[in-house]
Protein backbone atom coordinates (compact mmCIF):
# COMPACT_ATOMS: atom_id res chain seq x y z
CA UNK A 1 59.06 179.98 66.61
CA UNK A 2 61.33 179.39 63.44
CA UNK A 3 61.11 182.21 61.35
CA UNK A 4 63.99 181.68 58.84
CA UNK A 5 65.93 179.03 57.49
CA UNK A 6 69.18 180.01 55.67
CA UNK A 7 70.98 176.68 53.70
CA UNK A 8 74.53 176.62 51.86
CA UNK A 9 76.06 173.40 50.26
CA UNK A 10 73.90 171.06 52.12
CA UNK A 11 73.95 167.85 50.16
CA UNK A 12 72.23 168.84 47.26
CA UNK A 13 71.01 172.37 47.96
CA UNK A 14 73.55 174.78 46.78
CA UNK A 15 71.84 178.07 48.79
CA UNK A 16 68.06 178.08 50.04
CA UNK A 17 66.68 180.86 52.00
CA UNK A 18 63.56 180.20 53.48
CA UNK A 19 60.92 182.63 55.24
CA UNK A 20 58.47 180.35 57.53
CA UNK A 21 55.51 181.94 59.57
CA UNK A 22 53.15 180.61 62.42
CA UNK A 23 50.68 178.51 62.04
CA UNK A 24 50.75 175.45 59.71
CA UNK A 25 53.69 174.92 57.77
CA UNK A 26 53.87 171.92 54.62
CA UNK A 27 56.21 170.87 52.46
CA UNK A 28 55.32 168.13 49.72
CA UNK A 29 57.28 167.20 46.83
CA UNK A 30 57.74 164.45 44.65
CA UNK A 31 59.81 161.39 46.13
CA UNK A 32 63.74 161.76 46.36
CA UNK A 33 63.26 165.56 45.98
CA UNK A 34 65.58 165.78 48.85
CA UNK A 35 62.70 166.81 52.02
CA UNK A 36 65.09 165.05 54.24
CA UNK A 37 67.60 166.98 53.76
CA UNK A 38 65.96 170.34 55.11
CA UNK A 39 65.62 168.26 58.42
CA UNK A 40 68.87 166.95 58.53
CA UNK A 41 70.04 170.96 58.41
CA UNK A 42 68.02 172.13 60.65
CA UNK A 43 69.06 169.39 63.09
CA UNK A 44 72.57 170.58 62.35
CA UNK A 45 71.43 174.21 63.17
CA UNK A 46 69.86 172.57 66.10
CA UNK A 47 73.02 170.95 67.81
CA UNK A 48 72.78 167.13 65.87
CA UNK A 49 75.73 165.54 65.25
CA UNK A 50 77.92 166.30 62.45
CA UNK A 51 78.22 164.13 59.39
CA UNK A 52 80.94 165.46 56.51
CA UNK A 53 78.54 163.52 54.14
CA UNK A 54 76.10 166.59 54.25
CA UNK A 55 78.67 169.12 52.81
CA UNK A 56 77.75 169.20 48.89
CA UNK A 57 80.22 167.40 46.85
CA UNK A 58 83.55 169.82 45.80
CA UNK A 59 82.60 172.31 48.30
CA UNK A 60 85.16 173.09 51.23
CA UNK A 61 82.29 173.67 54.03
CA UNK A 62 78.43 174.00 54.67
CA UNK A 63 76.77 176.25 56.76
CA UNK A 64 72.72 176.74 58.25
CA UNK A 65 71.17 179.71 59.73
CA UNK A 66 67.84 179.43 61.34
CA UNK A 67 66.26 182.16 62.63
CA UNK A 68 63.75 182.11 65.90
CA UNK A 69 61.68 184.92 67.82
CA UNK A 70 58.85 184.17 70.78
CA UNK A 71 61.38 182.28 73.00
CA UNK A 72 60.11 180.64 76.32
CA UNK A 73 61.47 182.01 79.51
CA UNK A 74 63.19 179.21 80.57
CA UNK A 75 65.29 179.32 77.34
CA UNK A 76 66.33 183.12 78.12
CA UNK A 77 67.43 181.92 81.20
CA UNK A 78 69.90 179.56 79.49
CA UNK A 79 70.90 182.07 77.05
CA UNK A 80 71.80 184.38 80.17
CA UNK A 81 73.84 181.60 81.55
CA UNK A 82 75.79 181.11 78.86
CA UNK A 83 76.37 184.98 78.25
CA UNK A 84 74.02 185.34 75.10
CA UNK A 85 71.84 188.86 74.40
CA UNK A 86 68.68 188.01 73.08
CA UNK A 87 66.39 191.22 72.32
CA UNK A 88 63.96 190.38 69.36
CA UNK A 89 65.49 187.21 67.44
CA UNK A 90 67.57 184.23 68.06
CA UNK A 91 69.88 183.44 65.36
CA UNK A 92 71.53 180.22 65.24
CA UNK A 93 74.66 179.59 63.08
CA UNK A 94 76.33 176.38 62.39
CA UNK A 95 79.12 175.39 59.85
CA UNK A 96 80.59 172.18 58.77
CA UNK A 97 83.84 171.50 56.92
CA UNK A 98 84.87 168.77 54.59
CA UNK A 99 87.46 167.84 57.12
CA UNK A 100 84.59 167.34 59.69
CA UNK A 101 85.09 170.39 61.94
CA UNK A 102 82.42 171.64 62.87
CA UNK A 103 81.51 175.32 64.40
CA UNK A 104 78.39 177.30 66.28
CA UNK A 105 77.59 180.44 67.37
CA UNK A 106 74.02 181.35 68.95
CA UNK A 107 73.62 185.69 68.13
CA UNK A 108 77.16 185.87 66.97
CA UNK A 109 78.52 184.48 70.14
CA UNK A 110 80.65 181.15 69.73
CA UNK A 111 79.12 178.05 71.27
CA UNK A 112 79.90 174.29 72.13
CA UNK A 113 77.93 172.35 70.08
CA UNK A 114 76.62 171.02 73.38
CA UNK A 115 75.16 174.35 74.44
CA UNK A 116 73.74 174.64 71.00
CA UNK A 117 71.87 171.31 71.32
CA UNK A 118 70.14 172.40 74.87
CA UNK A 119 68.94 175.53 72.91
CA UNK A 120 67.83 173.47 69.97
CA UNK A 121 65.90 171.34 72.33
CA UNK A 122 64.04 174.47 74.06
CA UNK A 123 63.24 175.62 70.63
CA UNK A 124 62.03 172.93 68.46
CA UNK A 125 60.46 169.40 68.75
CA UNK A 126 60.96 166.67 66.28
CA UNK A 127 58.10 164.53 65.38
CA UNK A 128 58.60 160.97 62.73
CA UNK A 129 59.45 157.53 62.66
CA UNK A 130 62.67 157.58 64.25
CA UNK A 131 62.77 161.11 65.65
CA UNK A 132 63.53 160.81 69.62
CA UNK A 133 60.78 162.91 71.08
CA UNK A 134 60.81 164.74 74.05
CA UNK A 135 57.87 162.80 75.43
CA UNK A 136 59.43 159.48 75.07
CA UNK A 137 61.09 160.54 78.48
CA UNK A 138 59.68 159.64 81.49
CA UNK A 139 60.73 162.50 82.82
CA UNK A 140 58.97 165.12 80.96
CA UNK A 141 55.58 163.34 81.79
CA UNK A 142 54.97 165.17 85.48
CA UNK A 143 55.72 168.66 83.74
CA UNK A 144 53.56 167.57 80.78
CA UNK A 145 50.33 166.26 83.32
CA UNK A 146 51.39 169.14 85.97
CA UNK A 147 50.80 171.65 82.78
CA UNK A 148 47.66 170.22 81.82
CA UNK A 149 46.40 170.20 85.24
CA UNK A 150 47.20 173.92 86.03
CA UNK A 151 44.70 174.23 83.10
CA UNK A 152 41.96 171.88 83.76
CA UNK A 153 41.69 170.98 87.55
CA UNK A 154 40.93 174.06 90.03
CA UNK A 155 43.14 174.97 92.57
CA UNK A 156 45.68 173.00 90.96
CA UNK A 157 48.32 175.73 90.46
CA UNK A 158 47.96 176.36 94.19
CA UNK A 159 48.63 172.94 95.20
CA UNK A 160 51.80 172.95 93.15
CA UNK A 161 52.87 176.01 94.55
CA UNK A 162 52.15 175.09 98.19
CA UNK A 163 53.53 171.77 97.97
CA UNK A 164 57.15 173.37 96.94
CA UNK A 165 57.09 175.65 99.54
CA UNK A 166 55.86 172.95 102.20
CA UNK A 167 58.41 170.59 101.31
CA UNK A 168 61.51 173.03 101.27
CA UNK A 169 60.32 174.16 104.93
CA UNK A 170 60.66 170.33 105.61
CA UNK A 171 63.62 170.07 104.25
CA UNK A 172 65.41 172.73 105.77
CA UNK A 173 63.81 171.30 109.36
CA UNK A 174 65.32 168.12 108.44
CA UNK A 175 68.78 169.81 107.26
CA UNK A 176 68.71 171.39 110.75
CA UNK A 177 68.37 168.57 112.83
CA UNK A 178 71.21 166.57 110.79
CA UNK A 179 73.04 169.41 111.48
CA UNK A 180 72.55 168.98 115.32
CA UNK A 181 72.68 165.40 115.64
CA UNK A 182 75.87 165.48 113.85
CA UNK A 183 76.98 168.12 116.19
CA UNK A 184 76.47 166.17 118.90
CA UNK A 185 78.36 163.23 117.99
CA UNK A 186 81.17 165.10 118.44
CA UNK A 187 80.42 167.21 121.49
CA UNK A 188 81.80 164.77 124.06
CA UNK A 189 84.95 165.72 122.13
CA UNK A 190 84.73 169.49 121.88
CA UNK A 191 82.39 170.21 125.23
CA UNK A 192 85.99 170.43 126.94
CA UNK A 193 87.70 172.14 124.20
CA UNK A 194 85.23 174.63 124.48
CA UNK A 195 85.06 175.01 128.01
CA UNK A 196 88.55 175.62 128.46
CA UNK A 197 89.01 177.92 125.52
CA UNK A 198 85.54 180.02 127.03
CA UNK A 199 87.11 180.22 130.34
CA UNK A 200 90.57 181.40 128.75
CA UNK A 201 89.26 184.03 126.25
CA UNK A 202 86.70 185.20 129.04
CA UNK A 203 89.31 185.20 131.07
CA UNK A 204 91.40 187.26 128.68
CA UNK A 205 88.59 189.29 127.97
CA UNK A 206 90.18 191.29 125.02
CA UNK A 207 88.53 194.41 124.06
CA UNK A 208 88.43 195.68 120.00
CA UNK A 209 91.44 198.09 119.31
CA UNK A 210 93.31 197.27 122.83
CA UNK A 211 96.62 195.49 121.15
CA UNK A 212 96.82 198.53 119.21
CA UNK A 213 96.47 200.77 122.42
CA UNK A 214 99.15 198.46 124.63
CA UNK A 215 101.54 197.99 121.59
CA UNK A 216 101.36 202.19 121.54
CA UNK A 217 101.86 202.97 125.19
CA UNK A 218 105.00 199.65 125.21
CA UNK A 219 106.47 201.94 122.65
CA UNK A 220 106.12 204.85 124.50
CA UNK A 221 107.60 204.00 127.73
CA UNK A 222 110.08 202.20 125.89
CA UNK A 223 111.39 205.18 124.73
CA UNK A 224 110.95 207.00 127.30
CA UNK A 225 113.15 204.59 128.77
CA UNK A 226 115.90 205.15 126.53
CA UNK A 227 115.71 208.85 126.38
CA UNK A 228 115.93 208.84 130.56
CA UNK A 229 120.01 207.20 129.90
CA UNK A 230 120.26 209.60 127.07
CA UNK A 231 119.89 212.39 129.82
CA UNK A 232 121.66 210.54 132.74
CA UNK A 233 124.58 210.49 129.51
CA UNK A 234 124.68 214.38 129.30
CA UNK A 235 124.62 215.42 133.18
CA UNK A 236 127.76 212.86 133.33
CA UNK A 237 129.75 214.49 130.81
CA UNK A 238 128.79 217.53 132.08
CA UNK A 239 130.32 216.78 135.61
CA UNK A 240 132.61 214.33 134.47
CA UNK A 241 134.81 214.88 137.94
CA UNK A 242 132.13 215.33 140.52
CA UNK A 243 131.76 219.10 140.02
CA UNK A 244 129.23 220.89 138.00
CA UNK A 245 130.29 222.57 134.84
CA UNK A 246 128.53 226.01 135.97
CA UNK A 247 130.42 225.76 139.21
CA UNK A 248 133.34 225.74 137.40
CA UNK A 249 132.83 228.47 134.76
CA UNK A 250 131.16 230.66 137.92
CA UNK A 251 135.32 230.17 139.80
CA UNK A 252 136.92 230.88 136.53
CA UNK A 253 134.63 234.39 136.01
CA UNK A 254 134.98 235.02 139.92
CA UNK A 255 138.87 234.55 139.68
CA UNK A 256 139.09 237.11 136.72
CA UNK A 257 137.25 239.83 138.30
CA UNK A 258 139.88 240.13 140.33
CA UNK A 259 142.38 241.80 138.21
CA UNK A 260 143.28 245.24 139.24
CA UNK A 261 143.44 247.23 135.61
CA UNK A 262 140.89 249.56 135.52
CA UNK A 263 138.49 249.00 133.50
CA UNK A 264 138.79 245.51 133.68
CA UNK A 265 139.73 244.26 129.94
CA UNK A 266 138.32 240.93 130.45
CA UNK A 267 134.66 242.49 131.62
CA UNK A 268 132.48 241.41 128.26
CA UNK A 269 134.23 237.52 129.06
CA UNK A 270 133.16 237.67 132.46
CA UNK A 271 129.22 238.71 131.84
CA UNK A 272 129.47 235.85 129.18
CA UNK A 273 130.80 233.22 131.75
CA UNK A 274 128.31 234.21 134.12
CA UNK A 275 126.20 234.26 131.62
CA UNK A 276 127.39 230.61 130.21
CA UNK A 277 127.22 229.60 133.79
CA UNK A 278 123.44 230.35 134.49
CA UNK A 279 122.76 228.27 131.28
CA UNK A 280 124.73 225.66 132.06
CA UNK A 281 122.58 225.18 135.30
CA UNK A 282 119.15 225.60 133.94
CA UNK A 283 120.14 222.76 131.13
CA UNK A 284 121.29 220.65 133.99
CA UNK A 285 118.36 221.02 135.88
CA UNK A 286 115.91 220.19 132.83
CA UNK A 287 118.61 217.23 132.25
CA UNK A 288 117.76 215.23 135.11
CA UNK A 289 116.24 211.84 134.66
CA UNK A 290 112.49 211.16 135.48
CA UNK A 291 111.43 207.77 136.89
CA UNK A 292 110.44 205.50 134.55
CA UNK A 293 107.66 202.97 135.89
CA UNK A 294 109.48 200.11 134.47
CA UNK A 295 106.34 197.77 136.27
CA UNK A 296 103.79 198.96 134.68
CA UNK A 297 105.96 198.61 131.18
CA UNK A 298 106.29 194.62 131.92
CA UNK A 299 102.55 194.02 133.20
CA UNK A 300 101.87 195.67 129.32
CA UNK A 301 104.46 193.18 127.90
CA UNK A 302 102.73 190.50 129.22
CA UNK A 303 99.11 191.28 128.33
CA UNK A 304 100.07 192.05 124.75
CA UNK A 305 101.91 188.79 124.94
CA UNK A 306 98.88 186.92 126.49
CA UNK A 307 96.47 188.79 123.43
CA UNK A 308 98.80 187.44 120.45
CA UNK A 309 98.89 184.48 121.79
CA UNK A 310 95.36 184.07 121.93
CA UNK A 311 95.38 185.06 118.64
CA UNK A 312 97.92 182.67 117.29
CA UNK A 313 95.81 180.23 119.03
CA UNK A 314 93.00 180.55 117.18
CA UNK A 315 93.93 181.67 114.12
CA UNK A 316 92.47 185.23 113.90
CA UNK A 317 93.53 188.68 114.50
CA UNK A 318 93.31 190.35 118.03
CA UNK A 319 90.20 192.29 117.08
CA UNK A 320 88.63 189.03 116.32
CA UNK A 321 89.28 187.43 119.48
CA UNK A 322 85.94 188.62 121.28
CA UNK A 323 83.46 187.47 118.26
CA UNK A 324 85.54 184.00 118.69
CA UNK A 325 84.79 184.32 122.09
CA UNK A 326 80.84 184.89 121.16
CA UNK A 327 80.79 181.38 118.38
CA UNK A 328 82.66 179.28 120.84
CA UNK A 329 80.48 180.16 124.09
CA UNK A 330 76.99 179.78 121.30
CA UNK A 331 78.25 176.31 120.43
CA UNK A 332 79.05 175.48 123.86
CA UNK A 333 75.67 176.55 124.56
CA UNK A 334 74.18 174.57 122.14
CA UNK A 335 76.55 171.59 123.60
CA UNK A 336 74.65 172.11 127.09
CA UNK A 337 71.29 173.06 125.86
CA UNK A 338 71.35 170.04 123.06
CA UNK A 339 68.53 168.09 124.46
CA UNK A 340 66.06 170.78 124.62
CA UNK A 341 67.33 171.65 121.32
CA UNK A 342 66.82 168.22 119.74
CA UNK A 343 63.66 168.08 120.96
CA UNK A 344 62.59 171.37 119.49
CA UNK A 345 64.21 170.57 116.29
CA UNK A 346 62.48 167.10 115.93
CA UNK A 347 59.42 168.62 117.02
CA UNK A 348 59.42 171.03 114.26
CA UNK A 349 60.19 168.57 111.91
CA UNK A 350 57.37 166.22 112.92
CA UNK A 351 55.16 169.24 112.00
CA UNK A 352 56.89 170.44 108.73
CA UNK A 353 56.46 166.61 107.24
CA UNK A 354 52.58 166.36 108.14
CA UNK A 355 52.41 169.56 106.80
CA UNK A 356 53.91 168.30 103.31
CA UNK A 357 52.64 165.35 103.13
CA UNK A 358 49.05 166.95 103.55
CA UNK A 359 49.73 168.99 100.62
CA UNK A 360 51.40 166.31 98.53
CA UNK A 361 48.55 163.67 99.49
CA UNK A 362 46.26 166.82 98.06
CA UNK A 363 48.29 167.02 95.02
CA UNK A 364 48.38 163.82 94.35
CA UNK A 365 44.71 163.73 94.45
CA UNK A 366 44.58 166.47 92.28
CA UNK A 367 47.45 164.74 89.62
CA UNK A 368 45.33 161.70 89.26
CA UNK A 369 41.92 163.53 88.74
CA UNK A 370 44.35 165.30 85.93
CA UNK A 371 45.63 161.88 84.64
CA UNK A 372 41.86 161.09 84.47
CA UNK A 373 41.17 163.84 82.69
CA UNK A 374 43.99 163.72 80.02
CA UNK A 375 43.34 160.05 79.04
CA UNK A 376 39.59 160.45 78.80
CA UNK A 377 40.66 163.38 76.04
CA UNK A 378 43.38 161.29 74.29
CA UNK A 379 41.43 158.43 74.22
CA UNK A 380 38.72 160.90 72.38
CA UNK A 381 41.67 161.83 69.97
CA UNK A 382 42.77 158.37 68.81
CA UNK A 383 39.68 156.84 66.78
CA UNK A 384 40.27 159.34 64.07
CA UNK A 385 44.10 159.04 63.56
CA UNK A 386 43.09 155.19 63.40
CA UNK A 387 44.31 154.38 66.61
CA UNK A 388 41.06 153.22 67.72
CA UNK A 389 42.33 149.76 69.13
CA UNK A 390 45.12 151.76 70.91
CA UNK A 391 44.37 152.67 75.07
CA UNK A 392 46.35 155.28 77.09
CA UNK A 393 46.51 155.66 80.73
CA UNK A 394 49.03 157.92 83.23
CA UNK A 395 50.29 156.05 86.08
CA UNK A 396 50.77 158.01 89.05
CA UNK A 397 52.84 156.38 91.72
CA UNK A 398 54.56 157.01 94.93
CA UNK A 399 57.94 157.69 95.01
CA UNK A 400 60.83 159.51 97.22
CA UNK A 401 59.76 163.11 98.63
CA UNK A 402 60.55 166.31 96.10
CA UNK A 403 59.76 169.77 95.21
CA UNK A 404 56.88 167.98 93.27
CA UNK A 405 55.84 165.99 96.14
CA UNK A 406 55.69 161.85 96.35
CA UNK A 407 54.48 161.20 92.88
CA UNK A 408 56.32 159.41 89.95
CA UNK A 409 54.24 159.94 86.72
CA UNK A 410 54.10 157.92 83.81
CA UNK A 411 52.55 157.92 80.37
CA UNK A 412 51.47 154.12 79.28
CA UNK A 413 50.08 152.81 76.27
CA UNK A 414 49.16 149.66 74.94
CA UNK A 415 48.61 149.49 71.05
CA UNK A 416 46.31 146.43 70.89
CA UNK A 417 43.42 144.39 73.55
CA UNK A 418 44.75 142.20 75.19
CA UNK A 419 48.39 143.78 75.50
CA UNK A 420 49.42 144.91 78.82
CA UNK A 421 50.20 148.15 79.19
CA UNK A 422 53.66 149.47 79.01
CA UNK A 423 55.65 152.80 78.96
CA UNK A 424 54.79 155.11 76.01
CA UNK A 425 58.30 154.60 74.62
CA UNK A 426 58.45 151.02 74.60
CA UNK A 427 54.84 150.43 72.98
CA UNK A 428 54.58 152.21 70.11
CA UNK A 429 56.67 152.40 67.01
CA UNK A 430 56.71 153.90 63.61
CA UNK A 431 53.72 156.11 62.42
CA UNK A 432 51.67 154.92 65.25
CA UNK A 433 53.67 156.54 67.33
CA UNK A 434 54.04 159.71 65.61
CA UNK A 435 50.11 159.55 65.27
CA UNK A 436 50.15 159.54 69.10
CA UNK A 437 52.86 162.11 69.78
CA UNK A 438 50.54 164.10 67.40
CA UNK A 439 47.29 163.74 69.69
CA UNK A 440 48.94 163.86 73.34
CA UNK A 441 51.09 167.63 71.73
CA UNK A 442 47.21 168.63 70.25
CA UNK A 443 45.48 167.96 74.02
CA UNK A 444 48.64 169.44 75.71
CA UNK A 445 48.61 172.60 73.08
CA UNK A 446 48.09 175.17 75.38
CA UNK A 447 51.60 175.01 76.74
CA UNK A 448 53.42 175.08 73.30
CA UNK A 449 53.17 178.73 72.21
CA UNK A 450 56.61 179.29 72.05
CA UNK A 451 57.99 175.56 70.63
CA UNK A 452 58.27 175.00 66.58
CA UNK A 453 56.93 170.95 66.39
CA UNK A 454 58.40 169.24 63.05
CA UNK A 455 56.30 166.60 62.09
CA UNK A 456 57.91 164.07 59.05
CA UNK A 457 55.38 161.94 57.40
CA UNK A 458 53.52 161.66 60.01
CA UNK A 459 50.89 160.63 57.30
CA UNK A 460 52.40 157.23 56.23
CA UNK A 461 50.17 154.03 56.19
CA UNK A 462 46.92 156.10 56.18
CA UNK A 463 44.86 158.35 53.76
CA UNK A 464 41.59 159.37 53.64
CA UNK A 465 39.12 160.50 56.72
CA UNK A 466 42.57 159.54 58.72
CA UNK A 467 44.78 161.57 56.76
CA UNK A 468 42.15 164.14 56.79
CA UNK A 469 42.01 164.02 60.62
CA UNK A 470 46.30 164.10 61.00
CA UNK A 471 45.35 167.72 58.94
CA UNK A 472 42.94 169.12 60.69
CA UNK A 473 44.79 168.30 64.22
CA UNK A 474 47.91 169.44 62.68
CA UNK A 475 46.32 172.86 62.02
CA UNK A 476 44.67 173.11 65.74
CA UNK A 477 48.09 172.11 67.40
CA UNK A 478 49.83 175.05 64.98
CA UNK A 479 47.42 177.77 65.68
CA UNK A 480 48.79 178.04 69.34
CA UNK A 481 52.57 177.22 68.12
CA UNK A 482 54.13 176.72 64.78
CA UNK A 483 54.21 173.01 62.68
CA UNK A 484 56.14 172.63 59.87
CA UNK A 485 55.00 169.30 58.43
CA UNK A 486 56.51 167.18 55.67
CA UNK A 487 53.62 164.85 54.72
CA UNK A 488 52.74 162.91 51.09
CA UNK A 489 49.33 163.52 51.65
CA UNK A 490 47.11 165.82 49.51
CA UNK A 491 44.56 165.96 53.04
CA UNK A 492 47.26 167.34 55.07
CA UNK A 493 48.44 169.77 52.61
CA UNK A 494 45.14 171.13 52.57
CA UNK A 495 45.33 172.52 55.94
CA UNK A 496 48.34 174.27 55.51
CA UNK A 497 48.70 178.23 56.61
CA UNK A 498 51.59 178.20 54.09
CA UNK A 499 52.76 175.83 51.29
CA UNK A 500 56.46 175.13 50.10
CA UNK A 501 57.03 172.68 47.40
CA UNK A 502 60.62 170.87 47.54
CA UNK A 503 61.74 170.18 43.69
CA UNK A 504 65.01 168.14 42.23
CA UNK A 505 66.63 169.71 39.13
CA UNK A 506 69.45 168.45 36.70
CA UNK A 507 71.41 170.91 34.69
CA UNK A 508 74.94 169.65 33.54
CA UNK A 509 75.27 166.63 35.45
CA UNK A 510 74.89 168.71 38.92
CA UNK A 511 71.71 167.71 40.40
CA UNK A 512 70.03 170.71 43.00
CA UNK A 513 67.58 170.53 44.91
CA UNK A 514 65.00 174.47 45.53
CA UNK A 515 62.28 174.59 47.71
CA UNK A 516 59.62 177.94 46.98
CA UNK A 517 56.59 178.87 48.25
CA UNK A 518 53.64 178.21 46.25
CA UNK A 519 50.31 180.04 46.77
CA UNK A 520 46.76 180.27 44.39
CA UNK A 521 46.92 178.05 41.47
CA UNK A 522 50.41 176.54 41.96
CA UNK A 523 49.00 175.57 45.95
CA UNK A 524 46.34 173.85 43.72
CA UNK A 525 48.41 172.26 40.74
CA UNK A 526 50.39 170.32 43.34
CA UNK A 527 48.24 169.36 45.59
CA UNK A 528 46.35 167.62 42.68
CA UNK A 529 49.55 166.07 41.46
CA UNK A 530 49.73 164.38 45.10
CA UNK A 531 46.15 163.13 44.35
CA UNK A 532 46.73 161.61 40.59
CA UNK A 533 50.44 161.13 40.29
CA UNK A 534 52.28 163.12 37.65
CA UNK A 535 49.17 163.75 35.38
CA UNK A 536 47.35 166.83 36.68
CA UNK A 537 43.36 165.86 35.67
CA UNK A 538 40.17 167.86 35.92
CA UNK A 539 38.71 165.52 39.09
CA UNK A 540 42.15 165.99 40.57
CA UNK A 541 41.52 169.30 40.91
CA UNK A 542 38.24 169.44 41.65
CA UNK A 543 39.18 166.90 44.50
CA UNK A 544 42.37 169.53 45.47
CA UNK A 545 39.65 172.76 45.39
CA UNK A 546 37.94 170.70 48.04
CA UNK A 547 40.58 169.55 50.26
CA UNK A 548 42.15 173.26 50.18
CA UNK A 549 40.65 175.39 53.80
CA UNK A 550 40.66 179.12 53.58
């Protein structure tokens, strides 16, 4: 619902701040006062194409701010998709510079004009002689009929949900069968490839972590082999001429013991030599190289090479080879069992199709029932709106299957007897179309709670009882949503919940437009002015009193 509209420097409007309410908001004023400027300004805030002609003469830029509350779930989803936070209100802001540059924001988040228009289309629907009504788009007719049907036809909502679920099940079954058929087309070439690779990987039988374990073993064995060579070199160094060092030291000590001097002056050195000989003997024993199992090292290296080659071939890590074997085994199994799987999926698709057809058929019947009820309700509205010669019907035709069933819905109208029915957007025009849209919206009013409807001079060419009927229906529509109406009709103005007067002033050769809410005597006088013209008479005041609905 539109709660506030702020306009700055738009054509004749210097500054304007309006607060709208729920229900029927009516705007009246003399011809040329600038009523259409309000619509142009609001349309700018809703994402309409910019026009530098809207910028007030002598100003560098213009701006419009429109504030809304009570938005629909669909709009909340759109806001979330675009990173726009919403709590209690949605504020749309649009600026337009005199050089044609335009910028837009939604709750202070910069947005493109395209996104702004998507938001605006979810908030406001404008009806008038030249407006592009939502219901003129045949793509909206299915949802409009389904919304009506859900309220007026028993089990309609259940049927909609059932068709949606069963179509998805049918579509999934169709997709699975299609994927299998594509795979079978490639199976002749893939069978040999898969068999060879499955056998190869099964024979290799790689275990998770095996590559790391083998690599560690290989490294340990290669280090042991290097250590053995080092020990051999050490032994050779201790026995350069075939006689061990410990034997040579022992011989030296034994020779020194034969010295005759008592006590032997070399006794300490002799003891040290004997100790050294013992140490050298022990070291030599420990440095004896152990035998290396070179055959086992070769087998480990061969195993590592085979595992790593397989991993490169299949473009996975060595630890992923078991999973790769599982995947290819499943693919091979699917090919080998394709006849049974094909038969199973074909049967499943047939059953899912039958379930969908049954549900879609029931929904089609319900739609035709809803279409008849909608037609009857629309036709009951038309005579009072000076459309008694018009006829309306809902065409439900078969089309391709979807989540909404097999149906294509089109609203059809003929405005004169003897003429054929034609799609709604081709058959009606001008005020006739605006009144027809009003009848449709009144009948479909239960789905309008989060919407604002704007009707621009819907009363053109009508008066008296017809104008009163228009006003009464606008009031009915506004009770479940919000309606803003620009009117020249006293009868329509009499149904207003809030009444605004648009005035034009000229001062110092400058023209400005102002808008103010009027109540009490001011409202009475305005309705009387609409009735009698510039001069308000006692008779027009008396008539105005009868028209104001409390």
